């Protein structure tokens, strides 16, 4: 009920600004060409963890068949697909169909399990729509941005976005296309890891207590609230042409990215347009990639390798495309570890170690935001002091998380039982 109320609130807020909300945009994809075709099929794959193999093949075949019909109808009536993908409706129809089956043809535990699978798949798509709505709201409600503060504080790290931006540009077109694909398909990577974590659900008829999708959704729901407090558009928008061509220069502080680092001047809030999302602080792509990395650690070697690759590639893309400053990434890592610690503590039961870890992560995250806002000039003037301090702050949260979670795992692992000794006659 809380989640439904949240979606309704966002829908009303979006309507206030003349925009379709998350519930409207998802309902439109039942008929119209979806903007998130791969995500819809990935969501259906999550739903299918509760099905048998026979049911999975039937569901996949039905989804593909429905998509073929939709494509043929659009082709016959001459409908042009200017946005989104030609496929994906079938996956959404199948998820909704299994929801109807759960209510009408299942009872008891089987109904609850199937509804949970359907809800998981639909919730992943709804989370994406919610994020899109949040971004639109930030652009409408925050007329000024704090990029000058963040760019000044980023001097403490050596302006990594400018450096990585030049490196990525030198690898064009191969490097840019690969990084762009990794950046866009982050949710699909999360589904792959989640499918491994949920591989036994169909047999055990229950979900594990904690898995990646929960962390992914909480990050997407909580993170945009920070955007409202600390609105930042990113280097390519504040110091370059942005994603809207040369027209973006009208709002940019200067055309500097990625060739010339920003000058060291006292920062101040900068007016910006009502289109560009204020979605930099913290970097949620970094947060999601960090969550994928954490949850892939207990998988097979290929999954661990994929999790590491996705984290490195995402960090490179966020900096190399000019979407984020270096200090955004540090905040994103701390944000994720704090969210993950809170979710794990909630599942295992809150105790002193869990409270301390969450409190410490929250304090470090808040200290980072305060320093970016009120100490940027000091950070830029003394990079050899504040640069290592920023890295140390992030590393301390990583160390605290790893140390605490290892202790939790040791407590939950049953002690080996001694072998019975033969009786002496």
Protein backbone atom coordinates (compact mmCIF):
# COMPACT_ATOMS: atom_id res chain seq x y z
CA UNK A 1 0.00 0.00 0.00
CA UNK A 2 2.88 2.37 0.76
CA UNK A 3 4.37 1.74 -2.71
CA UNK A 4 1.00 2.27 -4.40
CA UNK A 5 0.52 5.50 -2.49
CA UNK A 6 3.97 6.65 -3.58
CA UNK A 7 3.16 5.95 -7.24
CA UNK A 8 -0.17 7.81 -6.96
CA UNK A 9 1.57 10.80 -5.36
CA UNK A 10 4.13 10.95 -8.17
CA UNK A 11 1.35 10.63 -10.74
CA UNK A 12 -0.46 13.62 -9.23
CA UNK A 13 2.77 15.63 -9.02
CA UNK A 14 3.60 14.90 -12.66
CA UNK A 15 0.09 15.86 -13.76
CA UNK A 16 0.50 19.16 -11.92
CA UNK A 17 3.32 19.98 -14.34
CA UNK A 18 1.41 18.74 -17.38
CA UNK A 19 3.41 15.51 -17.65
CA UNK A 20 2.33 11.85 -17.69
CA UNK A 21 3.17 10.06 -14.47
CA UNK A 22 4.69 6.58 -13.96
CA UNK A 23 1.33 4.80 -13.90
CA UNK A 24 0.20 6.47 -17.13
CA UNK A 25 3.42 5.76 -19.03
CA UNK A 26 3.39 2.12 -18.01
CA UNK A 27 -0.30 1.74 -18.96
CA UNK A 28 0.46 3.24 -22.38
CA UNK A 29 2.94 0.46 -23.11
CA UNK A 30 0.10 -2.07 -23.11
CA UNK A 31 -0.83 -0.75 -26.56
CA UNK A 32 1.75 1.74 -27.81
CA UNK A 33 5.38 1.06 -28.72
CA UNK A 34 7.26 0.73 -25.43
CA UNK A 35 10.27 2.90 -24.61
CA UNK A 36 11.84 0.09 -22.61
CA UNK A 37 11.55 -3.12 -24.65
CA UNK A 38 14.65 -4.90 -23.30
CA UNK A 39 13.68 -3.95 -19.74
CA UNK A 40 10.19 -5.41 -20.22
CA UNK A 41 11.62 -8.73 -21.34
CA UNK A 42 14.13 -8.65 -18.48
CA UNK A 43 11.25 -8.01 -16.08
CA UNK A 44 9.34 -10.93 -17.55
CA UNK A 45 12.42 -13.11 -16.99
CA UNK A 46 12.31 -12.12 -13.32
CA UNK A 47 8.64 -13.04 -13.16
CA UNK A 48 9.38 -16.45 -14.68
CA UNK A 49 11.59 -17.53 -11.75
CA UNK A 50 8.39 -18.80 -10.10
CA UNK A 51 7.36 -20.88 -13.14
CA UNK A 52 8.31 -24.36 -14.27
CA UNK A 53 10.45 -24.77 -17.38
CA UNK A 54 7.42 -25.77 -19.43
CA UNK A 55 5.54 -22.67 -18.29
CA UNK A 56 8.57 -20.50 -19.07
CA UNK A 57 8.72 -21.69 -22.66
CA UNK A 58 4.99 -21.11 -23.06
CA UNK A 59 5.28 -17.59 -21.58
CA UNK A 60 8.23 -16.68 -23.80
CA UNK A 61 6.50 -18.03 -26.91
CA UNK A 62 3.33 -16.11 -26.06
CA UNK A 63 5.29 -12.87 -25.54
CA UNK A 64 7.09 -13.21 -28.88
CA UNK A 65 3.84 -14.09 -30.65
CA UNK A 66 2.05 -11.05 -29.22
CA UNK A 67 4.95 -8.81 -30.24
CA UNK A 68 4.85 -10.17 -33.79
CA UNK A 69 1.14 -9.35 -33.99
CA UNK A 70 1.73 -5.81 -32.67
CA UNK A 71 4.55 -5.20 -35.16
CA UNK A 72 2.45 -6.46 -38.09
CA UNK A 73 -0.51 -4.30 -37.05
CA UNK A 74 1.68 -1.21 -36.73
CA UNK A 75 3.21 -1.94 -40.12
CA UNK A 76 -0.22 -2.46 -41.70
CA UNK A 77 -1.64 0.81 -40.42
CA UNK A 78 1.55 2.72 -41.16
CA UNK A 79 2.28 3.63 -37.54
CA UNK A 80 5.75 5.10 -37.19
CA UNK A 81 7.88 4.24 -34.18
CA UNK A 82 9.74 7.45 -33.41
CA UNK A 83 10.52 6.57 -29.80
CA UNK A 84 11.04 3.33 -28.00
CA UNK A 85 11.28 -0.23 -29.32
CA UNK A 86 9.15 -2.26 -31.74
CA UNK A 87 8.94 -5.06 -29.18
CA UNK A 88 8.13 -5.39 -25.48
CA UNK A 89 4.33 -5.26 -25.43
CA UNK A 90 4.20 -9.06 -25.42
CA UNK A 91 6.27 -9.30 -22.25
CA UNK A 92 3.98 -6.83 -20.48
CA UNK A 93 0.86 -8.69 -21.65
CA UNK A 94 2.28 -11.99 -20.39
CA UNK A 95 3.05 -10.53 -16.94
CA UNK A 96 -0.44 -9.08 -16.70
CA UNK A 97 -1.90 -12.37 -17.92
CA UNK A 98 -0.14 -14.34 -15.20
CA UNK A 99 -1.46 -11.84 -12.68
CA UNK A 100 -4.99 -12.69 -13.82
CA UNK A 101 -4.17 -16.42 -13.68
CA UNK A 102 -2.88 -16.05 -10.13
CA UNK A 103 -6.12 -14.42 -8.99
CA UNK A 104 -8.53 -16.67 -10.89
CA UNK A 105 -6.79 -20.06 -11.16
CA UNK A 106 -4.47 -20.31 -8.14
CA UNK A 107 -5.08 -20.55 -4.42
CA UNK A 108 -3.14 -20.38 -1.20
CA UNK A 109 0.65 -20.49 -1.32
CA UNK A 110 0.79 -20.97 -5.10
CA UNK A 111 -1.29 -17.84 -5.67
CA UNK A 112 0.92 -15.82 -3.31
CA UNK A 113 4.10 -17.04 -5.00
CA UNK A 114 2.85 -16.29 -8.53
CA UNK A 115 1.57 -12.86 -7.50
CA UNK A 116 4.93 -12.10 -5.93
CA UNK A 117 6.69 -13.06 -9.16
CA UNK A 118 4.35 -10.89 -11.25
CA UNK A 119 4.70 -8.04 -8.79
CA UNK A 120 8.49 -8.30 -8.92
CA UNK A 121 8.52 -8.02 -12.70
CA UNK A 122 6.04 -5.14 -12.83
CA UNK A 123 7.78 -3.35 -9.97
CA UNK A 124 11.07 -3.28 -11.86
CA UNK A 125 9.38 -1.56 -14.80
CA UNK A 126 7.46 0.75 -12.46
CA UNK A 127 10.73 1.67 -10.77
CA UNK A 128 12.14 2.75 -14.13
CA UNK A 129 9.04 4.83 -14.87
CA UNK A 130 9.17 6.34 -11.40
CA UNK A 131 12.78 7.36 -11.94
CA UNK A 132 11.88 9.04 -15.24
CA UNK A 133 9.09 10.98 -13.54
CA UNK A 134 11.38 12.04 -10.70
CA UNK A 135 13.85 13.42 -13.25
CA UNK A 136 11.15 15.45 -14.96
CA UNK A 137 10.04 16.86 -11.61
CA UNK A 138 13.60 17.91 -10.70
CA UNK A 139 13.92 19.85 -13.96
CA UNK A 140 10.62 21.66 -13.34
CA UNK A 141 11.06 22.46 -9.64
CA UNK A 142 14.77 23.35 -9.42
CA UNK A 143 15.44 26.39 -11.65
CA UNK A 144 19.04 26.74 -10.46
CA UNK A 145 21.81 24.13 -10.22
CA UNK A 146 24.88 23.77 -8.00
CA UNK A 147 27.33 22.59 -10.66
CA UNK A 148 29.85 25.33 -9.91
CA UNK A 149 30.12 24.08 -6.33
CA UNK A 150 30.62 20.47 -7.39
CA UNK A 151 33.04 21.35 -10.20
CA UNK A 152 35.10 23.43 -7.77
CA UNK A 153 35.16 20.63 -5.19
CA UNK A 154 36.15 18.22 -7.98
CA UNK A 155 39.50 20.02 -8.25
CA UNK A 156 40.47 18.01 -5.17
CA UNK A 157 40.31 14.86 -7.31
CA UNK A 158 42.00 16.42 -10.34
CA UNK A 159 38.82 16.93 -12.42
CA UNK A 160 38.56 13.25 -13.49
CA UNK A 161 35.60 13.83 -15.83
CA UNK A 162 37.72 16.09 -18.02
CA UNK A 163 40.56 13.56 -18.13
CA UNK A 164 38.39 10.50 -18.79
CA UNK A 165 36.33 12.47 -21.29
CA UNK A 166 39.39 13.04 -23.45
CA UNK A 167 40.38 9.38 -23.17
CA UNK A 168 36.92 8.15 -24.18
CA UNK A 169 36.81 10.59 -27.08
CA UNK A 170 40.12 9.18 -28.30
CA UNK A 171 38.57 5.67 -28.42
CA UNK A 172 35.62 6.76 -30.56
CA UNK A 173 33.67 5.03 -32.10
CA UNK A 174 34.37 1.58 -30.58
CA UNK A 175 34.90 2.68 -27.00
CA UNK A 176 32.00 5.09 -26.95
CA UNK A 177 29.54 2.57 -28.41
CA UNK A 178 30.56 -0.10 -25.90
CA UNK A 179 30.34 2.24 -22.92
CA UNK A 180 27.02 3.63 -24.12
CA UNK A 181 25.55 0.13 -24.34
CA UNK A 182 26.80 -0.73 -20.83
CA UNK A 183 25.44 2.53 -19.46
CA UNK A 184 21.98 2.09 -20.97
CA UNK A 185 21.52 -1.62 -20.17
CA UNK A 186 22.41 -1.39 -16.48
CA UNK A 187 18.98 -2.68 -15.41
CA UNK A 188 19.36 -5.72 -17.68
CA UNK A 189 22.70 -6.52 -16.00
CA UNK A 190 20.95 -6.32 -12.64
CA UNK A 191 18.34 -8.81 -13.86
CA UNK A 192 21.06 -11.27 -14.90
CA UNK A 193 22.55 -11.22 -11.40
CA UNK A 194 19.09 -11.44 -9.85
CA UNK A 195 18.20 -14.46 -11.98
CA UNK A 196 21.21 -16.26 -10.55
CA UNK A 197 20.18 -15.33 -7.02
CA UNK A 198 16.59 -16.46 -7.64
CA UNK A 199 17.43 -19.64 -9.56
CA UNK A 200 16.02 -21.95 -6.85
CA UNK A 201 12.70 -20.15 -6.31
CA UNK A 202 10.71 -22.48 -8.60
CA UNK A 203 11.96 -25.51 -6.66
CA UNK A 204 11.94 -24.14 -3.11
CA UNK A 205 8.66 -22.22 -3.72
CA UNK A 206 9.94 -19.20 -1.80
CA UNK A 207 12.11 -16.14 -2.39
CA UNK A 208 15.43 -15.56 -0.58
CA UNK A 209 15.41 -13.02 2.23
CA UNK A 210 17.60 -10.52 0.36
CA UNK A 211 18.52 -10.13 -3.29
CA UNK A 212 19.66 -7.46 -5.73
CA UNK A 213 16.29 -6.25 -7.04
CA UNK A 214 15.33 -4.96 -3.60
CA UNK A 215 18.49 -2.86 -3.36
CA UNK A 216 18.08 -1.69 -6.95
CA UNK A 217 14.54 -0.45 -6.35
CA UNK A 218 15.31 1.28 -3.06
CA UNK A 219 18.23 3.12 -4.66
CA UNK A 220 15.95 4.29 -7.47
CA UNK A 221 13.21 5.43 -5.09
CA UNK A 222 15.36 7.19 -2.47
CA UNK A 223 18.16 8.59 -4.65
CA UNK A 224 16.08 11.13 -6.63
CA UNK A 225 15.00 12.74 -3.35
CA UNK A 226 18.65 13.82 -2.94
CA UNK A 227 18.45 15.44 -6.37
CA UNK A 228 15.82 17.79 -4.97
CA UNK A 229 18.22 18.84 -2.20
CA UNK A 230 21.36 19.03 -4.32
CA UNK A 231 20.41 19.73 -7.98
CA UNK A 232 23.32 19.21 -10.39
CA UNK A 233 23.16 18.63 -14.18
CA UNK A 234 26.71 17.42 -14.92
CA UNK A 235 29.85 18.60 -16.75
CA UNK A 236 28.61 18.15 -20.31
CA UNK A 237 25.55 20.28 -19.56
CA UNK A 238 27.06 22.92 -17.28
CA UNK A 239 30.41 23.20 -19.10
CA UNK A 240 29.60 21.93 -22.61
CA UNK A 241 26.91 21.72 -25.29
CA UNK A 242 24.97 19.00 -23.47
CA UNK A 243 22.72 16.41 -25.06
CA UNK A 244 20.62 18.98 -26.90
CA UNK A 245 23.27 20.19 -29.34
CA UNK A 246 24.70 23.67 -29.50
CA UNK A 247 21.53 25.10 -27.96
CA UNK A 248 22.76 23.79 -24.64
CA UNK A 249 25.49 26.45 -24.69
CA UNK A 250 22.82 29.04 -23.92
CA UNK A 251 22.58 27.61 -20.41
CA UNK A 252 26.17 26.41 -19.92
CA UNK A 253 28.56 28.33 -17.69
CA UNK A 254 31.19 27.99 -20.43
CA UNK A 255 32.12 25.66 -23.28
CA UNK A 256 35.02 23.89 -21.54
CA UNK A 257 34.34 20.14 -21.29
CA UNK A 258 36.44 18.05 -21.82
CA UNK A 259 39.39 20.08 -23.11
CA UNK A 260 39.79 22.79 -20.48
CA UNK A 261 39.26 22.27 -16.72
CA UNK A 262 36.86 24.77 -15.14
CA UNK A 263 38.43 27.93 -13.67
CA UNK A 264 38.83 28.26 -9.93
CA UNK A 265 36.33 31.01 -9.05
CA UNK A 266 33.99 31.42 -6.06
CA UNK A 267 30.95 29.28 -6.96
CA UNK A 268 27.32 30.35 -6.98
CA UNK A 269 23.98 28.78 -8.05
CA UNK A 270 23.48 28.88 -11.83
CA UNK A 271 20.09 29.20 -13.62
CA UNK A 272 19.34 26.33 -15.99
CA UNK A 273 16.57 25.16 -18.32
CA UNK A 274 13.41 23.28 -17.33
CA UNK A 275 14.20 20.20 -19.42
CA UNK A 276 17.53 18.80 -18.24
CA UNK A 277 17.26 16.50 -15.18
CA UNK A 278 19.20 17.49 -12.07
CA UNK A 279 20.37 13.91 -11.60
CA UNK A 280 24.05 13.97 -10.65
CA UNK A 281 24.37 14.03 -6.87
CA UNK A 282 24.78 11.22 -6.05
CA UNK A 283 25.54 9.19 -9.17
CA UNK A 284 22.83 6.55 -9.17
CA UNK A 285 24.44 4.72 -12.10
CA UNK A 286 27.49 4.33 -9.86
CA UNK A 287 25.21 3.26 -7.02
CA UNK A 288 23.46 0.61 -9.13
CA UNK A 289 26.71 -0.66 -10.62
CA UNK A 290 28.17 -0.93 -7.11
CA UNK A 291 25.11 -2.94 -6.00
CA UNK A 292 25.56 -5.28 -8.98
CA UNK A 293 29.23 -5.72 -8.05
CA UNK A 294 28.37 -6.52 -4.41
CA UNK A 295 25.68 -9.08 -5.26
CA UNK A 296 27.78 -10.76 -7.94
CA UNK A 297 30.55 -11.63 -5.47
CA UNK A 298 28.94 -14.93 -4.44
CA UNK A 299 28.28 -16.10 -7.97
CA UNK A 300 30.43 -18.20 -10.28
CA UNK A 301 33.61 -16.75 -11.74
CA UNK A 302 31.98 -15.51 -14.94
CA UNK A 303 29.35 -13.61 -12.93
CA UNK A 304 32.00 -12.08 -10.67
CA UNK A 305 33.96 -11.03 -13.75
CA UNK A 306 30.83 -9.53 -15.33
CA UNK A 307 30.02 -7.61 -12.14
CA UNK A 308 33.54 -6.18 -12.02
CA UNK A 309 33.46 -5.27 -15.71
CA UNK A 310 30.06 -3.56 -15.38
CA UNK A 311 31.28 -1.49 -12.42
CA UNK A 312 34.46 -0.34 -14.16
CA UNK A 313 32.69 0.35 -17.46
CA UNK A 314 29.89 2.27 -15.74
CA UNK A 315 32.34 4.44 -13.80
CA UNK A 316 34.22 5.12 -17.04
CA UNK A 317 31.02 5.98 -18.89
CA UNK A 318 29.66 8.31 -16.22
CA UNK A 319 32.88 10.31 -16.26
CA UNK A 320 33.81 9.89 -19.92
CA UNK A 321 30.45 11.03 -21.27
CA UNK A 322 30.46 14.06 -18.98
CA UNK A 323 27.38 12.94 -17.05
CA UNK A 324 29.03 13.12 -13.62
CA UNK A 325 31.83 14.68 -11.62
CA UNK A 326 34.28 12.57 -9.66
CA UNK A 327 32.79 13.58 -6.31
CA UNK A 328 29.39 12.29 -7.53
CA UNK A 329 30.86 8.81 -7.84
CA UNK A 330 32.29 8.85 -4.32
CA UNK A 331 28.89 9.88 -2.95
CA UNK A 332 27.22 7.16 -5.02
CA UNK A 333 29.40 4.40 -3.55
CA UNK A 334 28.77 5.55 0.03
CA UNK A 335 25.05 5.87 -0.70
CA UNK A 336 24.82 2.30 -2.00
CA UNK A 337 26.70 0.70 0.87
CA UNK A 338 24.48 2.52 3.36
CA UNK A 339 21.29 1.38 1.58
CA UNK A 340 22.59 -2.19 1.32
CA UNK A 341 23.55 -2.22 5.00
CA UNK A 342 20.11 -0.96 6.01
CA UNK A 343 18.29 -3.59 3.93
CA UNK A 344 20.44 -6.42 5.24
CA UNK A 345 20.02 -5.21 8.83
CA UNK A 346 16.27 -5.06 8.36
CA UNK A 347 16.18 -8.66 7.11
CA UNK A 348 18.40 -10.14 9.80
CA UNK A 349 17.06 -7.99 12.61
CA UNK A 350 18.51 -4.71 13.77
CA UNK A 351 21.36 -4.94 16.24
CA UNK A 352 24.18 -2.69 17.42
CA UNK A 353 26.51 -3.51 14.52
CA UNK A 354 23.80 -2.82 11.93
CA UNK A 355 22.78 0.47 13.52
CA UNK A 356 26.40 1.59 13.75
CA UNK A 357 27.13 0.73 10.13
CA UNK A 358 24.05 2.53 8.78
CA UNK A 359 24.64 5.54 11.03
CA UNK A 360 28.27 5.78 9.95
CA UNK A 361 27.42 5.53 6.25
CA UNK A 362 24.69 8.16 6.65
CA UNK A 363 27.06 10.49 8.51
CA UNK A 364 29.78 10.16 5.87
CA UNK A 365 27.28 10.74 3.05
CA UNK A 366 25.91 13.84 4.76
CA UNK A 367 29.44 15.12 5.42
CA UNK A 368 30.28 14.72 1.73
CA UNK A 369 27.26 16.76 0.63
CA UNK A 370 27.94 19.48 3.21
CA UNK A 371 31.60 19.74 2.18
CA UNK A 372 30.71 19.94 -1.53
CA UNK A 373 28.26 22.77 -0.79
CA UNK A 374 30.11 24.82 1.83
CA UNK A 375 33.83 23.98 1.44
CA UNK A 376 34.43 23.75 -2.34
CA UNK A 377 37.01 26.55 -2.47
CA UNK A 378 39.01 25.07 0.39
CA UNK A 379 38.87 21.64 -1.27
CA UNK A 380 40.13 23.11 -4.55
CA UNK A 381 42.92 25.15 -2.93
CA UNK A 382 44.26 22.20 -0.94
CA UNK A 383 43.77 19.16 -3.20
CA UNK A 384 46.58 17.18 -1.58
CA UNK A 385 44.64 17.36 1.69
CA UNK A 386 41.02 17.01 0.61
CA UNK A 387 41.60 14.59 -2.27
CA UNK A 388 43.02 11.86 -0.01
CA UNK A 389 40.39 12.71 2.62
CA UNK A 390 37.59 12.05 0.12
CA UNK A 391 39.09 8.71 -0.90
CA UNK A 392 39.70 7.84 2.76
CA UNK A 393 36.08 8.63 3.67
CA UNK A 394 34.78 6.33 0.93
CA UNK A 395 37.30 3.61 1.76
CA UNK A 396 36.38 3.72 5.44
CA UNK A 397 32.72 3.02 4.60
CA UNK A 398 33.77 0.18 2.28
CA UNK A 399 35.96 -1.31 5.03
CA UNK A 400 33.22 -0.97 7.65
CA UNK A 401 30.69 -2.64 5.34
CA UNK A 402 32.97 -5.56 4.41
CA UNK A 403 34.08 -6.13 8.01
CA UNK A 404 30.55 -5.99 9.45
CA UNK A 405 28.92 -8.17 6.81
CA UNK A 406 31.64 -10.80 7.20
CA UNK A 407 30.89 -10.95 10.91
CA UNK A 408 27.18 -11.36 10.11
CA UNK A 409 27.91 -14.23 7.75
CA UNK A 410 30.12 -15.97 10.29
CA UNK A 411 27.33 -15.80 12.87
CA UNK A 412 24.75 -17.28 10.47
CA UNK A 413 27.01 -20.10 9.25
CA UNK A 414 26.33 -23.21 11.36
CA UNK A 415 29.32 -24.55 13.20
CA UNK A 416 30.59 -27.93 11.98
CA UNK A 417 29.42 -30.81 14.10
CA UNK A 418 32.15 -33.13 15.52
CA UNK A 419 32.18 -36.64 14.14
CA UNK A 420 31.04 -39.29 16.60
CA UNK A 421 33.90 -41.18 18.20
CA UNK A 422 33.77 -44.99 18.27
CA UNK A 423 33.06 -46.45 21.69
CA UNK A 424 35.92 -48.23 23.40
CA UNK A 425 35.11 -51.74 24.48
